[in-house]
Structure formats: C-alpha cells, structure tokens
C-alpha cells in the first residue's frame, strides 16, 4: 500500500469516527452532567460547542478525498459538495434532536454548525489552491 493510499484510508477512518462522535454528542442525554458556564465572552456556550463540533468536517472530508482536485474550479466544486454534505449532516442532527424527548431543535445551533463548516471550508479551499500553485 502506497503512503498516499494509507493516508487516505486513515483520514476516511478518522471521518467515520468523527461522524460517530458528533452523532453521539448530538443525541446523547447529558442532563446529569454538572452545570457549565452559560456563555463565554458573551457567546452562548452551546453555540461554541456546536461550532467546535462541526469545524473539523470539511478538513477531514478534504483529506479523506484529497485526490478530487487538480484545478481551482475543481477545488471550488469539491468545497461546495463538502460544505453541502456538512450542512445536510448538521441539519439532520438538529431534526433528530427535535424528535428526542430530552433534546431540542435550535435554528441557532444549525447556524453555528454552518458557520463552522463555512470557515473551515474556506481554509481548506485556500490550502488546496495554494498547494496547486506550488506544483511545478
């Protein structure tokens, strides 16, 4: 197995573990945990947690399927697909949370998820395009 193939396989495994971890964090019942501060620097802690949970999505997805891009247009198309799938995943987690008796739906959580995906996706896009410019 080549080093690139091994790396891609490891990132695919990391992506799977990440999705499982986010699903657990979104659907588990945490009401018996001790209270945490309600906000940090005026930002609700719940939104910070959602941002942190979804920030890795584009990064892991990009490195799991790195071979998709050769041009900036392909990088943009890949970014849009990755962000769309991330947004769908975030939306589904909120919908399922609304069905659980011990969780609730919150459009602002979804907004924090999308913000994280967008910022992380933009960083991945800049990295990908700069990587292309360095190739001879």
N, C-alpha and C. Protein backbone atom coordinates (compact mmCIF):
# COMPACT_ATOMS: atom_id res chain seq x y z
N UNK A 1 0.85 -1.17 0.00
CA UNK A 1 0.00 0.00 0.00
C UNK A 1 0.89 1.24 0.00
N UNK A 2 0.58 2.18 -0.89
CA UNK A 2 1.38 3.39 -1.00
C UNK A 2 1.10 4.33 0.17
N UNK A 3 2.05 5.22 0.47
CA UNK A 3 1.84 6.16 1.58
C UNK A 3 0.59 7.03 1.39
N UNK A 4 0.33 7.48 0.15
CA UNK A 4 -0.87 8.31 -0.09
C UNK A 4 -2.15 7.53 0.15
N UNK A 5 -2.15 6.28 -0.26
CA UNK A 5 -3.34 5.44 -0.06
C UNK A 5 -3.55 5.17 1.43
N UNK A 6 -2.46 4.93 2.15
CA UNK A 6 -2.56 4.71 3.59
C UNK A 6 -3.09 5.95 4.29
N UNK A 7 -2.56 7.11 3.89
CA UNK A 7 -3.02 8.38 4.47
C UNK A 7 -4.50 8.59 4.20
N UNK A 8 -4.93 8.34 2.97
CA UNK A 8 -6.34 8.50 2.61
C UNK A 8 -7.22 7.55 3.42
N UNK A 9 -6.77 6.34 3.60
CA UNK A 9 -7.52 5.36 4.39
C UNK A 9 -7.63 5.81 5.85
N UNK A 10 -6.55 6.34 6.40
CA UNK A 10 -6.57 6.82 7.78
C UNK A 10 -7.53 8.00 7.94
N UNK A 11 -7.56 8.90 6.96
CA UNK A 11 -8.49 10.02 7.03
C UNK A 11 -9.93 9.57 6.86
N UNK A 12 -10.16 8.54 6.04
CA UNK A 12 -11.52 8.01 5.90
C UNK A 12 -11.98 7.39 7.23
N UNK A 13 -11.08 6.69 7.88
CA UNK A 13 -11.40 6.13 9.19
C UNK A 13 -11.64 7.25 10.21
N UNK A 14 -10.80 8.27 10.18
CA UNK A 14 -10.99 9.42 11.08
C UNK A 14 -12.33 10.10 10.81
N UNK A 15 -12.72 10.20 9.54
CA UNK A 15 -14.00 10.81 9.19
C UNK A 15 -15.16 9.99 9.75
N UNK A 16 -15.07 8.69 9.64
CA UNK A 16 -16.11 7.81 10.18
C UNK A 16 -16.21 7.97 11.70
N UNK A 17 -15.07 7.95 12.37
CA UNK A 17 -15.06 8.12 13.83
C UNK A 17 -15.59 9.49 14.23
N UNK A 18 -15.25 10.49 13.46
CA UNK A 18 -15.74 11.85 13.71
C UNK A 18 -17.26 11.91 13.61
N UNK A 19 -17.83 11.33 12.55
CA UNK A 19 -19.28 11.35 12.36
C UNK A 19 -19.96 10.62 13.52
N UNK A 20 -19.40 9.50 13.93
CA UNK A 20 -19.97 8.76 15.06
C UNK A 20 -19.89 9.57 16.35
N UNK A 21 -18.77 10.25 16.56
CA UNK A 21 -18.61 11.07 17.77
C UNK A 21 -19.59 12.24 17.78
N UNK A 22 -19.77 12.91 16.65
CA UNK A 22 -20.72 14.02 16.57
C UNK A 22 -22.14 13.51 16.80
N UNK A 23 -22.47 12.36 16.21
CA UNK A 23 -23.80 11.80 16.42
C UNK A 23 -24.02 11.51 17.92
N UNK A 24 -23.02 10.96 18.55
CA UNK A 24 -23.15 10.68 19.99
C UNK A 24 -23.35 11.98 20.77
N UNK A 25 -22.53 12.98 20.48
CA UNK A 25 -22.63 14.25 21.20
C UNK A 25 -23.97 14.94 20.96
N UNK A 26 -24.51 14.78 19.77
CA UNK A 26 -25.78 15.43 19.44
C UNK A 26 -26.99 14.69 20.02
N UNK A 27 -26.89 13.37 20.18
CA UNK A 27 -28.07 12.60 20.54
C UNK A 27 -28.06 12.04 21.96
N UNK A 28 -26.92 12.10 22.63
CA UNK A 28 -26.85 11.54 23.99
C UNK A 28 -27.56 12.46 24.98
N UNK A 29 -27.91 11.89 26.10
CA UNK A 29 -28.59 12.63 27.17
C UNK A 29 -27.53 13.07 28.18
N UNK A 30 -27.24 14.37 28.22
CA UNK A 30 -26.21 14.91 29.09
C UNK A 30 -26.78 15.71 30.26
N UNK A 31 -28.04 15.51 30.57
CA UNK A 31 -28.69 16.31 31.61
C UNK A 31 -28.15 16.03 33.01
N UNK A 32 -27.46 14.94 33.20
CA UNK A 32 -26.94 14.62 34.54
C UNK A 32 -25.52 15.13 34.76
N UNK A 33 -24.96 15.80 33.78
CA UNK A 33 -23.61 16.36 33.93
C UNK A 33 -23.68 17.63 34.78
N UNK A 34 -22.58 17.99 35.41
CA UNK A 34 -22.58 19.24 36.20
C UNK A 34 -22.80 20.44 35.28
N UNK A 35 -23.31 21.51 35.87
CA UNK A 35 -23.55 22.74 35.11
C UNK A 35 -22.23 23.35 34.66
N UNK A 36 -22.25 23.91 33.46
CA UNK A 36 -21.09 24.63 32.92
C UNK A 36 -21.50 26.08 32.73
N UNK A 37 -20.54 26.98 32.55
CA UNK A 37 -20.91 28.38 32.32
C UNK A 37 -21.85 28.49 31.11
N UNK A 38 -22.80 29.38 31.19
CA UNK A 38 -23.80 29.54 30.12
C UNK A 38 -23.25 30.26 28.90
N UNK A 39 -22.18 31.07 29.10
CA UNK A 39 -21.62 31.79 27.97
C UNK A 39 -20.13 32.02 28.18
N UNK A 40 -19.46 32.34 27.06
CA UNK A 40 -18.05 32.68 27.08
C UNK A 40 -17.88 33.90 26.18
N UNK A 41 -17.40 35.00 26.76
CA UNK A 41 -17.25 36.26 26.03
C UNK A 41 -18.57 36.69 25.39
N UNK A 42 -19.67 36.39 26.06
CA UNK A 42 -20.98 36.79 25.57
C UNK A 42 -21.60 35.86 24.55
N UNK A 43 -20.88 34.81 24.17
CA UNK A 43 -21.38 33.84 23.20
C UNK A 43 -21.91 32.64 23.98
N UNK A 44 -23.15 32.22 23.70
CA UNK A 44 -23.68 31.06 24.42
C UNK A 44 -22.78 29.83 24.24
N UNK A 45 -22.49 29.16 25.33
CA UNK A 45 -21.58 28.01 25.31
C UNK A 45 -22.06 26.92 24.35
N UNK A 46 -23.37 26.74 24.26
CA UNK A 46 -23.93 25.74 23.35
C UNK A 46 -23.53 26.02 21.90
N UNK A 47 -23.50 27.28 21.52
CA UNK A 47 -23.14 27.63 20.14
C UNK A 47 -21.64 27.40 19.90
N UNK A 48 -20.84 27.66 20.92
CA UNK A 48 -19.40 27.40 20.81
C UNK A 48 -19.16 25.91 20.63
N UNK A 49 -19.88 25.10 21.39
CA UNK A 49 -19.73 23.64 21.28
C UNK A 49 -20.13 23.18 19.88
N UNK A 50 -21.24 23.70 19.36
CA UNK A 50 -21.67 23.32 18.01
C UNK A 50 -20.63 23.74 16.97
N UNK A 51 -20.09 24.95 17.11
CA UNK A 51 -19.06 25.42 16.19
C UNK A 51 -17.86 24.47 16.22
N UNK A 52 -17.41 24.11 17.41
CA UNK A 52 -16.25 23.23 17.55
C UNK A 52 -16.52 21.82 17.02
N UNK A 53 -17.76 21.36 17.16
CA UNK A 53 -18.09 20.02 16.67
C UNK A 53 -18.04 19.94 15.15
N UNK A 54 -18.47 20.99 14.47
CA UNK A 54 -18.59 20.92 13.01
C UNK A 54 -17.41 21.53 12.27
N UNK A 55 -16.50 22.21 12.96
CA UNK A 55 -15.32 22.79 12.31
C UNK A 55 -14.46 21.72 11.61
N UNK A 56 -14.25 20.54 12.19
CA UNK A 56 -13.39 19.55 11.53
C UNK A 56 -13.99 18.90 10.27
N UNK A 57 -15.30 19.03 10.06
CA UNK A 57 -15.94 18.30 8.96
C UNK A 57 -15.26 18.54 7.61
N UNK A 58 -15.14 19.78 7.12
CA UNK A 58 -14.51 19.98 5.80
C UNK A 58 -13.05 19.53 5.76
N UNK A 59 -12.34 19.70 6.84
CA UNK A 59 -10.92 19.31 6.87
C UNK A 59 -10.78 17.81 6.71
N UNK A 60 -11.51 17.06 7.50
CA UNK A 60 -11.44 15.60 7.41
C UNK A 60 -11.95 15.11 6.05
N UNK A 61 -13.04 15.70 5.57
CA UNK A 61 -13.59 15.28 4.28
C UNK A 61 -12.59 15.57 3.15
N UNK A 62 -11.96 16.72 3.19
CA UNK A 62 -10.98 17.06 2.17
C UNK A 62 -9.82 16.08 2.15
N UNK A 63 -9.25 15.80 3.30
CA UNK A 63 -8.10 14.90 3.34
C UNK A 63 -8.48 13.44 3.09
N UNK A 64 -9.73 13.09 3.36
CA UNK A 64 -10.18 11.73 3.05
C UNK A 64 -10.33 11.54 1.54
N UNK A 65 -10.67 12.63 0.82
CA UNK A 65 -10.90 12.54 -0.63
C UNK A 65 -10.06 13.57 -1.37
N UNK A 66 -8.81 13.72 -0.96
CA UNK A 66 -7.88 14.73 -1.45
C UNK A 66 -7.67 14.67 -2.96
N UNK A 67 -7.74 13.52 -3.55
CA UNK A 67 -7.38 13.39 -4.96
C UNK A 67 -8.41 13.97 -5.92
N UNK A 68 -9.46 14.57 -5.42
CA UNK A 68 -10.51 15.09 -6.28
C UNK A 68 -10.12 16.34 -7.05
N UNK A 69 -9.18 17.13 -6.56
CA UNK A 69 -8.95 18.44 -7.15
C UNK A 69 -7.61 18.55 -7.85
N UNK A 70 -7.67 19.14 -9.04
CA UNK A 70 -6.45 19.43 -9.81
C UNK A 70 -6.40 20.89 -10.23
N UNK A 71 -7.57 21.55 -10.27
CA UNK A 71 -7.66 22.95 -10.68
C UNK A 71 -8.45 23.72 -9.61
N UNK A 72 -8.34 25.05 -9.62
CA UNK A 72 -9.13 25.83 -8.66
C UNK A 72 -10.65 25.61 -8.81
N UNK A 73 -11.11 25.42 -10.05
CA UNK A 73 -12.55 25.18 -10.25
C UNK A 73 -12.96 23.84 -9.65
N UNK A 74 -12.11 22.82 -9.79
CA UNK A 74 -12.41 21.54 -9.16
C UNK A 74 -12.37 21.67 -7.64
N UNK A 75 -11.45 22.47 -7.14
CA UNK A 75 -11.37 22.69 -5.69
C UNK A 75 -12.64 23.38 -5.19
N UNK A 76 -13.13 24.35 -5.95
CA UNK A 76 -14.36 25.03 -5.57
C UNK A 76 -15.55 24.07 -5.60
N UNK A 77 -15.62 23.24 -6.65
CA UNK A 77 -16.71 22.26 -6.74
C UNK A 77 -16.65 21.27 -5.58
N UNK A 78 -15.45 20.80 -5.27
CA UNK A 78 -15.30 19.87 -4.14
C UNK A 78 -15.69 20.55 -2.84
N UNK A 79 -15.27 21.81 -2.66
CA UNK A 79 -15.63 22.57 -1.46
C UNK A 79 -17.14 22.70 -1.33
N UNK A 80 -17.82 23.03 -2.42
CA UNK A 80 -19.27 23.17 -2.38
C UNK A 80 -19.95 21.85 -2.02
N UNK A 81 -19.45 20.76 -2.57
CA UNK A 81 -20.01 19.44 -2.24
C UNK A 81 -19.77 19.09 -0.77
N UNK A 82 -18.56 19.31 -0.31
CA UNK A 82 -18.22 19.02 1.09
C UNK A 82 -19.07 19.86 2.02
N UNK A 83 -19.19 21.15 1.73
CA UNK A 83 -19.99 22.03 2.59
C UNK A 83 -21.47 21.66 2.53
N UNK A 84 -21.95 21.27 1.35
CA UNK A 84 -23.35 20.85 1.24
C UNK A 84 -23.62 19.61 2.09
N UNK A 85 -22.73 18.62 1.99
CA UNK A 85 -22.90 17.42 2.81
C UNK A 85 -22.78 17.74 4.30
N UNK A 86 -21.86 18.63 4.64
CA UNK A 86 -21.73 19.05 6.04
C UNK A 86 -22.99 19.73 6.53
N UNK A 87 -23.57 20.60 5.69
CA UNK A 87 -24.81 21.28 6.04
C UNK A 87 -25.98 20.32 6.19
N UNK A 88 -26.03 19.33 5.31
CA UNK A 88 -27.08 18.31 5.42
C UNK A 88 -26.91 17.52 6.71
N UNK A 89 -25.69 17.14 7.02
CA UNK A 89 -25.41 16.41 8.26
C UNK A 89 -25.82 17.25 9.47
N UNK A 90 -25.45 18.52 9.46
CA UNK A 90 -25.80 19.41 10.57
C UNK A 90 -27.32 19.55 10.69
N UNK A 91 -27.99 19.72 9.56
CA UNK A 91 -29.44 19.84 9.57
C UNK A 91 -30.12 18.58 10.08
N UNK A 92 -29.62 17.44 9.66
CA UNK A 92 -30.21 16.17 10.12
C UNK A 92 -30.03 15.99 11.63
N UNK A 93 -28.87 16.40 12.15
CA UNK A 93 -28.68 16.26 13.60
C UNK A 93 -29.69 17.12 14.35
N UNK A 94 -29.96 18.32 13.86
CA UNK A 94 -30.95 19.17 14.53
C UNK A 94 -32.35 18.60 14.40
N UNK A 95 -32.68 18.04 13.24
CA UNK A 95 -34.01 17.44 13.08
C UNK A 95 -34.20 16.26 14.03
N UNK A 96 -33.19 15.42 14.13
CA UNK A 96 -33.29 14.26 15.03
C UNK A 96 -33.36 14.73 16.48
N UNK A 97 -32.59 15.75 16.83
CA UNK A 97 -32.66 16.28 18.19
C UNK A 97 -34.07 16.74 18.53
N UNK A 98 -34.77 17.29 17.56
CA UNK A 98 -36.14 17.72 17.78
C UNK A 98 -37.09 16.57 18.04
N UNK A 99 -36.73 15.38 17.62
CA UNK A 99 -37.57 14.20 17.84
C UNK A 99 -37.30 13.52 19.17
N UNK A 100 -36.17 13.84 19.78
CA UNK A 100 -35.80 13.21 21.05
C UNK A 100 -36.45 13.95 22.21
N UNK A 101 -37.02 13.22 23.18
CA UNK A 101 -37.72 13.89 24.28
C UNK A 101 -36.80 14.68 25.21
N UNK A 102 -35.52 14.37 25.25
CA UNK A 102 -34.59 15.03 26.16
C UNK A 102 -33.69 16.04 25.45
N UNK A 103 -33.92 16.27 24.17
CA UNK A 103 -33.15 17.27 23.39
C UNK A 103 -34.12 18.22 22.73
N UNK A 104 -33.60 19.26 22.12
CA UNK A 104 -34.46 20.21 21.43
C UNK A 104 -33.79 20.72 20.17
N UNK A 105 -34.62 21.13 19.23
CA UNK A 105 -34.13 21.73 18.00
C UNK A 105 -33.82 23.21 18.25
N UNK A 106 -32.79 23.70 17.60
CA UNK A 106 -32.46 25.12 17.73
C UNK A 106 -31.84 25.59 16.43
N UNK A 107 -32.50 26.51 15.76
CA UNK A 107 -32.00 27.02 14.49
C UNK A 107 -30.66 27.73 14.67
N UNK A 108 -30.43 28.30 15.84
CA UNK A 108 -29.15 28.96 16.10
C UNK A 108 -28.01 27.95 16.21
N UNK A 109 -28.30 26.75 16.70
CA UNK A 109 -27.28 25.68 16.70
C UNK A 109 -26.91 25.34 15.27
N UNK A 110 -27.91 25.23 14.41
CA UNK A 110 -27.68 24.94 13.00
C UNK A 110 -26.85 26.05 12.37
N UNK A 111 -27.13 27.31 12.74
CA UNK A 111 -26.35 28.43 12.23
C UNK A 111 -24.89 28.35 12.67
N UNK A 112 -24.65 27.96 13.92
CA UNK A 112 -23.27 27.80 14.40
C UNK A 112 -22.57 26.68 13.65
N UNK A 113 -23.30 25.60 13.37
CA UNK A 113 -22.74 24.49 12.60
C UNK A 113 -22.33 24.96 11.20
N UNK A 114 -23.24 25.68 10.55
CA UNK A 114 -22.96 26.15 9.19
C UNK A 114 -21.81 27.16 9.16
N UNK A 115 -21.73 28.02 10.16
CA UNK A 115 -20.62 28.98 10.24
C UNK A 115 -19.29 28.24 10.35
N UNK A 116 -19.25 27.22 11.19
CA UNK A 116 -18.02 26.44 11.35
C UNK A 116 -17.65 25.74 10.05
N UNK A 117 -18.62 25.16 9.38
CA UNK A 117 -18.37 24.47 8.11
C UNK A 117 -17.88 25.46 7.06
N UNK A 118 -18.47 26.64 7.01
CA UNK A 118 -18.06 27.64 6.03
C UNK A 118 -16.64 28.14 6.27
N UNK A 119 -16.32 28.47 7.50
CA UNK A 119 -14.97 28.97 7.81
C UNK A 119 -13.93 27.88 7.57
N UNK A 120 -14.19 26.69 8.05
CA UNK A 120 -13.27 25.58 7.85
C UNK A 120 -13.13 25.24 6.36
N UNK A 121 -14.25 25.27 5.66
CA UNK A 121 -14.23 25.00 4.22
C UNK A 121 -13.40 26.03 3.47
N UNK A 122 -13.52 27.28 3.86
CA UNK A 122 -12.73 28.33 3.22
C UNK A 122 -11.23 28.11 3.46
N UNK A 123 -10.87 27.72 4.67
CA UNK A 123 -9.47 27.42 4.97
C UNK A 123 -8.96 26.25 4.14
N UNK A 124 -9.79 25.23 3.98
CA UNK A 124 -9.42 24.08 3.16
C UNK A 124 -9.23 24.50 1.70
N UNK A 125 -10.13 25.36 1.21
CA UNK A 125 -10.04 25.83 -0.17
C UNK A 125 -8.73 26.60 -0.40
N UNK A 126 -8.41 27.51 0.52
CA UNK A 126 -7.16 28.28 0.41
C UNK A 126 -5.96 27.34 0.43
N UNK A 127 -5.97 26.36 1.31
CA UNK A 127 -4.88 25.38 1.37
C UNK A 127 -4.77 24.63 0.06
N UNK A 128 -5.90 24.17 -0.47
CA UNK A 128 -5.89 23.36 -1.69
C UNK A 128 -5.37 24.16 -2.87
N UNK A 129 -5.83 25.40 -3.03
CA UNK A 129 -5.38 26.22 -4.14
C UNK A 129 -3.90 26.57 -3.99
N UNK A 130 -3.46 26.86 -2.77
CA UNK A 130 -2.03 27.17 -2.58
C UNK A 130 -1.18 25.94 -2.84
N UNK A 131 -1.68 24.77 -2.55
CA UNK A 131 -0.97 23.53 -2.86
C UNK A 131 -0.81 23.35 -4.38
N UNK A 132 -1.85 23.74 -5.12
CA UNK A 132 -1.79 23.63 -6.59
C UNK A 132 -0.75 24.58 -7.16
N UNK A 133 -0.64 25.77 -6.59
CA UNK A 133 0.31 26.76 -7.11
C UNK A 133 1.75 26.36 -6.85
N UNK A 134 1.99 25.53 -5.85
CA UNK A 134 3.34 25.10 -5.54
C UNK A 134 3.81 23.97 -6.44
N UNK A 135 2.88 23.31 -7.13
CA UNK A 135 3.27 22.21 -8.03
C UNK A 135 3.99 22.78 -9.25
N UNK A 136 5.01 22.08 -9.70
CA UNK A 136 5.76 22.57 -10.86
C UNK A 136 4.98 22.44 -12.16
